[in-house]
C-alpha atoms as a PDB file:
ATOM      1  CA  UNK A   1       4.143  16.008  -0.331  1.00  0.00           C
ATOM      2  CA  UNK A   2       5.544  12.148  -0.665  1.00  0.00           C
ATOM      3  CA  UNK A   3       7.830  10.680   2.178  1.00  0.00           C
ATOM      4  CA  UNK A   4       9.709   7.027   1.531  1.00  0.00           C
ATOM      5  CA  UNK A   5      10.690   5.404   4.102  1.00  0.00           C
ATOM      6  CA  UNK A   6      12.764   2.071   4.737  1.00  0.00           C
ATOM      7  CA  UNK A   7      14.139   0.084   7.850  1.00  0.00           C
ATOM      8  CA  UNK A   8      16.054  -2.694   8.528  1.00  0.00           C
ATOM      9  CA  UNK A   9      17.742  -4.673  11.010  1.00  0.00           C
ATOM     10  CA  UNK A  10      21.391  -6.685  11.848  1.00  0.00           C
ATOM     11  CA  UNK A  11      22.609  -8.234  14.683  1.00  0.00           C
ATOM     12  CA  UNK A  12      21.520  -6.595  17.233  1.00  0.00           C
ATOM     13  CA  UNK A  13      21.199  -2.959  15.676  1.00  0.00           C
ATOM     14  CA  UNK A  14      17.719  -1.314  13.559  1.00  0.00           C
ATOM     15  CA  UNK A  15      17.715   1.028  11.800  1.00  0.00           C
ATOM     16  CA  UNK A  16      15.062   3.424   9.638  1.00  0.00           C
ATOM     17  CA  UNK A  17      14.465   6.847   7.612  1.00  0.00           C
ATOM     18  CA  UNK A  18      13.040   8.330   5.124  1.00  0.00           C
ATOM     19  CA  UNK A  19      13.740  11.012   2.548  1.00  0.00           C
ATOM     20  CA  UNK A  20      10.881  13.781   1.670  1.00  0.00           C
ATOM     21  CA  UNK A  21      10.693  14.508  -1.659  1.00  0.00           C
ATOM     22  CA  UNK A  22      11.379  18.212  -0.194  1.00  0.00           C
ATOM     23  CA  UNK A  23      14.999  16.838  -0.246  1.00  0.00           C
ATOM     24  CA  UNK A  24      14.013  16.764   3.348  1.00  0.00           C
ATOM     25  CA  UNK A  25      15.509  13.052   5.293  1.00  0.00           C
ATOM     26  CA  UNK A  26      15.547  11.307   8.973  1.00  0.00           C
ATOM     27  CA  UNK A  27      18.087   9.244   9.825  1.00  0.00           C
ATOM     28  CA  UNK A  28      18.415   6.982  13.044  1.00  0.00           C
ATOM     29  CA  UNK A  29      19.396   3.430  14.112  1.00  0.00           C
ATOM     30  CA  UNK A  30      20.032   2.039  17.710  1.00  0.00           C
ATOM     31  CA  UNK A  31      20.192  -1.535  19.210  1.00  0.00           C
ATOM     32  CA  UNK A  32      17.662  -3.767  19.928  1.00  0.00           C
ATOM     33  CA  UNK A  33      16.233  -6.306  22.247  1.00  0.00           C
ATOM     34  CA  UNK A  34      13.698  -9.012  20.999  1.00  0.00           C
ATOM     35  CA  UNK A  35      12.434  -8.344  23.964  1.00  0.00           C
ATOM     36  CA  UNK A  36      10.864  -5.556  23.234  1.00  0.00           C
ATOM     37  CA  UNK A  37      10.609  -5.623  19.936  1.00  0.00           C
ATOM     38  CA  UNK A  38       8.989  -8.879  19.158  1.00  0.00           C
ATOM     39  CA  UNK A  39      10.710 -11.180  16.093  1.00  0.00           C
ATOM     40  CA  UNK A  40       9.713  -8.725  13.679  1.00  0.00           C
ATOM     41  CA  UNK A  41      12.159  -6.132  13.944  1.00  0.00           C
ATOM     42  CA  UNK A  42      12.359  -4.996  10.300  1.00  0.00           C
ATOM     43  CA  UNK A  43       8.683  -4.323  10.528  1.00  0.00           C
ATOM     44  CA  UNK A  44       9.347  -2.287  14.148  1.00  0.00           C
ATOM     45  CA  UNK A  45      12.101  -0.496  11.872  1.00  0.00           C
ATOM     46  CA  UNK A  46       9.559   1.182   9.262  1.00  0.00           C
ATOM     47  CA  UNK A  47       6.748   1.572  11.113  1.00  0.00           C
ATOM     48  CA  UNK A  48       9.424   3.729  13.219  1.00  0.00           C
ATOM     49  CA  UNK A  49      10.531   5.317   9.864  1.00  0.00           C
ATOM     50  CA  UNK A  50       6.565   6.203   9.361  1.00  0.00           C
ATOM     51  CA  UNK A  51       6.502   7.594  12.884  1.00  0.00           C
ATOM     52  CA  UNK A  52       9.340   9.951  12.343  1.00  0.00           C
ATOM     53  CA  UNK A  53       7.891  11.058   9.693  1.00  0.00           C
ATOM     54  CA  UNK A  54       5.182  12.091  10.388  1.00  0.00           C
ATOM     55  CA  UNK A  55       5.895  13.192  12.995  1.00  0.00           C
ATOM     56  CA  UNK A  56       8.466  15.976  11.063  1.00  0.00           C
ATOM     57  CA  UNK A  57       5.342  16.691   8.947  1.00  0.00           C
ATOM     58  CA  UNK A  58       3.197  17.088  11.548  1.00  0.00           C
ATOM     59  CA  UNK A  59      -0.214  19.854  10.267  1.00  0.00           C
ATOM     60  CA  UNK A  60       1.077  18.719   6.895  1.00  0.00           C
ATOM     61  CA  UNK A  61      -0.181  16.038   4.232  1.00  0.00           C
ATOM     62  CA  UNK A  62       2.169  13.324   3.325  1.00  0.00           C
ATOM     63  CA  UNK A  63       1.709  10.425   1.195  1.00  0.00           C
ATOM     64  CA  UNK A  64       3.727   7.335   2.483  1.00  0.00           C
ATOM     65  CA  UNK A  65       5.743   5.207   0.293  1.00  0.00           C
ATOM     66  CA  UNK A  66       6.549   2.349   2.148  1.00  0.00           C
ATOM     67  CA  UNK A  67       7.634  -1.254   0.445  1.00  0.00           C
ATOM     68  CA  UNK A  68       7.024  -3.002   4.134  1.00  0.00           C
ATOM     69  CA  UNK A  69       2.792  -3.892   2.776  1.00  0.00           C
ATOM     70  CA  UNK A  70       2.526  -4.664   6.841  1.00  0.00           C
ATOM     71  CA  UNK A  71       3.445  -1.901   8.135  1.00  0.00           C
ATOM     72  CA  UNK A  72       0.807  -0.593   5.807  1.00  0.00           C
ATOM     73  CA  UNK A  73      -1.415  -3.110   6.434  1.00  0.00           C
ATOM     74  CA  UNK A  74      -0.708  -1.974  10.569  1.00  0.00           C
ATOM     75  CA  UNK A  75      -0.662   1.763   9.729  1.00  0.00           C
ATOM     76  CA  UNK A  76      -4.327   1.375   8.409  1.00  0.00           C
ATOM     77  CA  UNK A  77      -5.790  -0.186  11.251  1.00  0.00           C
ATOM     78  CA  UNK A  78      -4.571   2.815  13.435  1.00  0.00           C
ATOM     79  CA  UNK A  79      -6.314   4.512  11.084  1.00  0.00           C
ATOM     80  CA  UNK A  80      -9.058   3.216  11.435  1.00  0.00           C
ATOM     81  CA  UNK A  81      -8.965   3.269  14.596  1.00  0.00           C
ATOM     82  CA  UNK A  82      -7.930  -0.377  16.243  1.00  0.00           C
ATOM     83  CA  UNK A  83      -5.069  -1.129  18.517  1.00  0.00           C
ATOM     84  CA  UNK A  84      -2.716  -3.277  17.338  1.00  0.00           C
ATOM     85  CA  UNK A  85       0.840  -4.549  18.000  1.00  0.00           C
ATOM     86  CA  UNK A  86       3.491  -6.135  15.544  1.00  0.00           C
ATOM     87  CA  UNK A  87       3.665  -9.802  17.119  1.00  0.00           C
ATOM     88  CA  UNK A  88       5.749  -9.729  20.809  1.00  0.00           C
ATOM     89  CA  UNK A  89       6.157  -6.207  20.970  1.00  0.00           C
ATOM     90  CA  UNK A  90       5.725  -4.719  24.210  1.00  0.00           C
ATOM     91  CA  UNK A  91       5.334  -0.788  25.259  1.00  0.00           C
ATOM     92  CA  UNK A  92       5.856  -2.182  29.429  1.00  0.00           C
ATOM     93  CA  UNK A  93       9.670  -2.543  29.887  1.00  0.00           C
ATOM     94  CA  UNK A  94      11.314  -5.204  32.096  1.00  0.00           C
ATOM     95  CA  UNK A  95      11.966  -2.856  34.948  1.00  0.00           C
ATOM     96  CA  UNK A  96       7.433  -2.832  34.708  1.00  0.00           C
ATOM     97  CA  UNK A  97       7.535   1.205  33.245  1.00  0.00           C
END
């Protein structure tokens, strides 16, 4: 099965989605803070699209199509066991959690 993903940001809103060759799809949007997502908002959106598709099809073999080379490179590094995040992205919120 093939799944195409895309992500984008406009103003303070980030959107992302995926579409599978089966016709299934997922769409999401959220208000982002650059203090948490960092300056690479579109990269974060694309990674979230990929993550949601993988989560939805967990246990099934899928091929991801993405036009975001940095996202592809980062996912490949994760698959190799590397822990890397987009520039400025933090997993700790301002309240410490």
